[in-house]
Amino acid sequence: MMRLRVSGVLLSGFLVLGGCMHTTPVSLYQLDGGSITVPVAEKGVAVLLGPVSVADYLQRDTLLQRQLDGTLSEARDARWAGSLAADIDQQLLRQLASRLDTQRVVLAPATAGFVPEARVSLTLTRLDSGPQRPAVLEGQWRLSGSDGKLVDSRLVSLQELHDGSISDQVRAQSLLIQQLVEQMAVAIKENKPVQAQQVTPRPRPKPPQVRPVEPPVQTAPSIPVAEPIRESEVFRF
């Protein structure tokens, strides 16, 4: 019995060591925001970003690969560095603020006292790629004004090619997010009702100047000039 127990322990140890020796290191990836310039001025259009709805399969740290038959499988040696959905939120926030040059971009729900001049909501139904499949982004964004009324909406379907490696797939997916943000930024800039505009009050027209009526100049009544009466001549005979 003792020999069997020792052999079993040794066998288990060899299996553990063998598993450790064949463990493949896992690489962690994040989306790339490109060349983002952090706005310095606090003034700018106030944008409420959200709600941002992401498909269920994207709400994890697993990096999925789209196969030729359309199925998804986990990458063996690659993962997202944290939640992909949270990474998408931060990329949208920072890139939109950079393109609009405004510090006043807030993720929904808005904090107390924040009055948005534009509201952008997003539904992201797909963001993936595969060794032999291009990177694909699908979804829909909606733009509303300060009064909550819809002013623009667009269904989005974008694709980006890559060389098949995981790192280049992440690069391609990052470019798709950048293209998506560019669409939303352009829509905010072009829709004048959404942007805050300083309206200069028009000056009130001045009432027409009424000249005072001058009283007529009173002149002294003309006195007829008395002419001397010529005496009639008297003739004597």
Protein backbone atom coordinates (compact mmCIF):
# COMPACT_ATOMS: atom_id res chain seq x y z
CA MET A 1 0.00 0.00 0.00
CA MET A 2 2.82 2.37 0.85
CA ARG A 3 4.43 1.84 -2.52
CA LEU A 4 1.16 2.59 -4.30
CA ARG A 5 0.66 5.82 -2.38
CA VAL A 6 4.21 7.02 -3.07
CA SER A 7 3.89 6.16 -6.74
CA GLY A 8 0.60 8.03 -6.89
CA VAL A 9 2.15 11.13 -5.30
CA LEU A 10 5.12 11.02 -7.66
CA LEU A 11 2.83 10.59 -10.66
CA SER A 12 0.72 13.57 -9.62
CA GLY A 13 3.84 15.67 -9.19
CA PHE A 14 5.07 14.79 -12.66
CA LEU A 15 1.70 15.71 -14.15
CA VAL A 16 1.70 19.08 -12.42
CA LEU A 17 5.23 19.82 -13.55
CA GLY A 18 4.40 18.70 -17.04
CA GLY A 19 1.39 21.01 -17.13
CA CYS A 20 3.47 23.95 -15.92
CA MET A 21 6.13 23.29 -18.51
CA HIS A 22 3.56 23.40 -21.33
CA THR A 23 1.65 26.49 -20.07
CA THR A 24 1.57 29.17 -22.77
CA PRO A 25 1.88 32.79 -21.57
CA VAL A 26 -1.24 34.85 -22.18
CA SER A 27 -0.93 38.27 -23.84
CA LEU A 28 -3.27 41.06 -22.71
CA TYR A 29 -4.68 43.63 -25.13
CA GLN A 30 -6.51 46.97 -24.99
CA LEU A 31 -8.19 49.05 -27.66
CA ASP A 32 -6.06 51.85 -29.10
CA GLY A 33 -7.57 55.33 -29.13
CA GLY A 34 -5.16 56.73 -31.68
CA SER A 35 -3.79 60.25 -31.37
CA ILE A 36 -6.05 61.75 -28.70
CA THR A 37 -5.58 65.35 -27.58
CA VAL A 38 -6.98 66.06 -24.13
CA PRO A 39 -8.97 69.31 -24.30
CA VAL A 40 -7.58 72.07 -22.11
CA ALA A 41 -10.42 74.57 -22.17
CA GLU A 42 -13.41 73.77 -20.02
CA LYS A 43 -15.77 75.55 -22.39
CA GLY A 44 -17.37 73.59 -25.19
CA VAL A 45 -20.52 71.71 -26.07
CA ALA A 46 -21.90 69.66 -23.17
CA VAL A 47 -22.48 66.05 -24.29
CA LEU A 48 -24.16 63.24 -22.39
CA LEU A 49 -22.80 59.94 -23.71
CA GLY A 50 -25.09 57.03 -23.10
CA PRO A 51 -26.65 54.81 -22.40
CA VAL A 52 -24.12 52.60 -24.16
CA SER A 53 -25.53 49.10 -24.68
CA VAL A 54 -23.03 46.38 -25.61
CA ALA A 55 -23.84 42.84 -26.77
CA ASP A 56 -23.63 40.19 -24.06
CA TYR A 57 -20.72 38.33 -25.66
CA LEU A 58 -18.60 41.50 -25.46
CA GLN A 59 -19.08 42.00 -21.72
CA ARG A 60 -16.08 39.91 -20.66
CA ASP A 61 -12.30 39.77 -20.82
CA THR A 62 -12.26 36.82 -23.21
CA LEU A 63 -10.89 37.65 -26.64
CA LEU A 64 -13.10 35.79 -29.09
CA GLN A 65 -12.23 34.72 -32.61
CA ARG A 66 -14.77 34.61 -35.44
CA GLN A 67 -14.34 31.46 -37.49
CA LEU A 68 -15.14 30.94 -41.17
CA ASP A 69 -18.45 29.24 -40.31
CA GLY A 70 -19.48 32.23 -38.18
CA THR A 71 -18.93 30.60 -34.78
CA LEU A 72 -16.93 32.23 -32.00
CA SER A 73 -14.10 30.55 -30.09
CA GLU A 74 -11.83 31.77 -27.32
CA ALA A 75 -8.28 32.74 -28.18
CA ARG A 76 -5.88 30.43 -26.34
CA ASP A 77 -3.01 32.82 -25.74
CA ALA A 78 -4.75 36.24 -25.71
CA ARG A 79 -7.23 38.11 -23.51
CA TRP A 80 -8.55 41.60 -23.06
CA ALA A 81 -6.90 43.51 -20.23
CA GLY A 82 -10.10 43.82 -18.23
CA SER A 83 -13.67 44.20 -19.36
CA LEU A 84 -14.00 44.98 -23.06
CA ALA A 85 -17.30 46.82 -22.43
CA ALA A 86 -15.64 49.13 -19.90
CA ASP A 87 -12.76 49.74 -22.31
CA ILE A 88 -15.24 50.69 -25.05
CA ASP A 89 -16.94 53.21 -22.73
CA GLN A 90 -13.65 54.94 -21.94
CA GLN A 91 -12.55 55.00 -25.57
CA LEU A 92 -15.83 56.58 -26.64
CA LEU A 93 -15.60 59.19 -23.88
CA ARG A 94 -12.00 60.24 -24.49
CA GLN A 95 -12.15 60.18 -28.28
CA LEU A 96 -15.39 62.17 -28.43
CA ALA A 97 -14.03 64.81 -26.07
CA SER A 98 -10.88 65.09 -28.19
CA ARG A 99 -12.75 65.46 -31.49
CA LEU A 100 -15.18 68.03 -30.10
CA ASP A 101 -12.45 69.82 -28.11
CA THR A 102 -14.54 69.91 -24.95
CA GLN A 103 -14.07 68.77 -21.39
CA ARG A 104 -17.82 68.58 -20.88
CA VAL A 105 -18.45 64.99 -21.98
CA VAL A 106 -20.07 62.80 -19.33
CA LEU A 107 -21.05 59.13 -19.31
CA ALA A 108 -24.68 58.45 -18.46
CA PRO A 109 -26.19 58.74 -15.95
CA ALA A 110 -25.33 62.43 -15.69
CA THR A 111 -24.24 63.96 -12.42
CA ALA A 112 -26.45 66.45 -10.65
CA GLY A 113 -26.28 69.91 -12.17
CA PHE A 114 -25.03 68.75 -15.57
CA VAL A 115 -27.21 70.16 -18.35
CA PRO A 116 -26.41 68.44 -21.68
CA GLU A 117 -26.75 70.25 -24.98
CA ALA A 118 -26.42 66.98 -26.92
CA ARG A 119 -27.23 63.38 -26.01
CA VAL A 120 -25.64 60.43 -27.82
CA SER A 121 -26.79 56.87 -27.15
CA LEU A 122 -25.22 53.77 -28.67
CA THR A 123 -26.21 50.15 -29.17
CA LEU A 124 -23.24 48.00 -30.15
CA THR A 125 -24.35 44.59 -31.40
CA ARG A 126 -21.05 43.32 -32.83
CA LEU A 127 -17.32 43.93 -32.52
CA ASP A 128 -15.08 40.99 -33.40
CA SER A 129 -12.68 39.49 -35.92
CA GLY A 130 -10.92 36.23 -36.72
CA PRO A 131 -7.74 34.87 -38.27
CA GLN A 132 -9.45 34.76 -41.66
CA ARG A 133 -12.32 37.16 -41.01
CA PRO A 134 -12.12 40.97 -41.10
CA ALA A 135 -12.83 43.10 -38.08
CA VAL A 136 -16.53 44.03 -38.05
CA LEU A 137 -18.44 46.62 -36.05
CA GLU A 138 -22.24 46.81 -36.16
CA GLY A 139 -24.66 48.91 -34.16
CA GLN A 140 -26.75 52.06 -34.07
CA TRP A 141 -26.26 55.50 -32.54
CA ARG A 142 -28.86 58.19 -31.87
CA LEU A 143 -28.37 61.91 -31.40
CA SER A 144 -30.83 64.05 -29.45
CA GLY A 145 -30.90 67.74 -28.65
CA SER A 146 -31.09 69.44 -25.29
CA ASP A 147 -34.85 68.94 -25.26
CA GLY A 148 -34.50 65.17 -25.75
CA LYS A 149 -35.94 65.17 -29.29
CA LEU A 150 -34.23 62.92 -31.85
CA VAL A 151 -32.31 64.94 -34.46
CA ASP A 152 -30.18 62.21 -36.09
CA SER A 153 -29.81 58.42 -36.11
CA ARG A 154 -27.68 55.99 -38.05
CA LEU A 155 -27.28 52.24 -38.45
CA VAL A 156 -23.57 51.42 -38.58
CA SER A 157 -21.79 48.54 -40.33
CA LEU A 158 -18.02 48.93 -40.62
CA GLN A 159 -15.21 46.57 -41.66
CA GLU A 160 -11.42 46.70 -41.43
CA LEU A 161 -8.88 44.24 -42.86
CA HIS A 162 -5.89 42.87 -40.93
CA ASP A 163 -3.03 40.39 -41.39
CA GLY A 164 -4.56 37.64 -39.22
CA SER A 165 -2.46 38.11 -36.06
CA ILE A 166 -4.13 38.94 -32.76
CA SER A 167 -2.29 42.24 -32.42
CA ASP A 168 -3.37 43.38 -35.88
CA GLN A 169 -6.93 42.28 -35.20
CA VAL A 170 -6.98 44.52 -32.12
CA ARG A 171 -5.57 47.34 -34.24
CA ALA A 172 -8.37 46.86 -36.78
CA GLN A 173 -11.07 46.81 -34.10
CA SER A 174 -9.59 49.98 -32.59
CA LEU A 175 -9.83 51.73 -35.96
CA LEU A 176 -13.50 50.78 -36.19
CA ILE A 177 -14.20 52.41 -32.82
CA GLN A 178 -12.38 55.54 -34.01
CA GLN A 179 -14.49 55.66 -37.19
CA LEU A 180 -17.64 55.28 -35.11
CA VAL A 181 -16.70 58.18 -32.84
CA GLU A 182 -15.86 60.33 -35.86
CA GLN A 183 -19.39 59.81 -37.21
CA MET A 184 -20.96 60.92 -33.94
CA ALA A 185 -18.66 63.94 -33.60
CA VAL A 186 -19.46 65.16 -37.12
CA ALA A 187 -23.20 64.79 -36.47
CA ILE A 188 -22.95 66.88 -33.30
CA LYS A 189 -21.04 69.61 -35.11
CA GLU A 190 -23.40 69.72 -38.09
CA ASN A 191 -26.68 69.81 -36.18
CA LYS A 192 -27.00 73.42 -35.15
CA PRO A 193 -30.04 72.86 -32.90
CA VAL A 194 -27.90 70.57 -30.76
CA GLN A 195 -25.05 72.97 -30.20
CA ALA A 196 -25.22 75.75 -27.68
CA GLN A 197 -25.49 79.04 -29.45
CA GLN A 198 -25.22 82.45 -27.91
CA VAL A 199 -28.13 84.43 -29.24
CA THR A 200 -27.49 88.14 -29.32
CA PRO A 201 -30.73 90.01 -28.66
CA ARG A 202 -31.73 92.26 -31.48
CA PRO A 203 -31.89 95.93 -30.58
CA ARG A 204 -35.37 97.29 -30.33
CA PRO A 205 -36.27 99.67 -33.10
CA LYS A 206 -36.25 103.24 -31.97
CA PRO A 207 -39.59 105.01 -32.18
CA PRO A 208 -39.73 107.62 -34.93
CA GLN A 209 -38.83 111.06 -33.74
CA VAL A 210 -41.82 113.40 -33.77
CA ARG A 211 -40.95 116.97 -34.26
CA PRO A 212 -42.92 119.31 -32.03
CA VAL A 213 -45.50 121.40 -33.82
CA GLU A 214 -44.46 124.98 -33.61
CA PRO A 215 -47.30 127.40 -32.98
CA PRO A 216 -48.03 129.74 -35.87
CA VAL A 217 -46.41 133.13 -35.64
CA GLN A 218 -49.02 135.70 -34.79
CA THR A 219 -48.66 138.89 -36.80
CA ALA A 220 -50.32 142.20 -36.02
CA PRO A 221 -53.46 142.82 -38.07
CA SER A 222 -52.86 145.10 -40.97
CA ILE A 223 -54.36 148.57 -40.49
CA PRO A 224 -55.64 150.09 -43.65
CA VAL A 225 -53.80 153.29 -44.53
CA ALA A 226 -56.01 156.29 -44.59
CA GLU A 227 -55.61 158.26 -47.78
CA PRO A 228 -56.27 162.00 -47.73
CA ILE A 229 -59.53 162.99 -49.29
CA ARG A 230 -59.13 165.53 -51.96
CA GLU A 231 -61.44 168.41 -51.53
CA SER A 232 -63.67 169.09 -54.41
CA GLU A 233 -63.03 172.33 -56.23
CA VAL A 234 -65.62 175.10 -55.94
CA PHE A 235 -66.21 177.33 -58.93
CA ARG A 236 -67.70 180.82 -58.54
CA PHE A 237 -69.37 182.80 -61.24
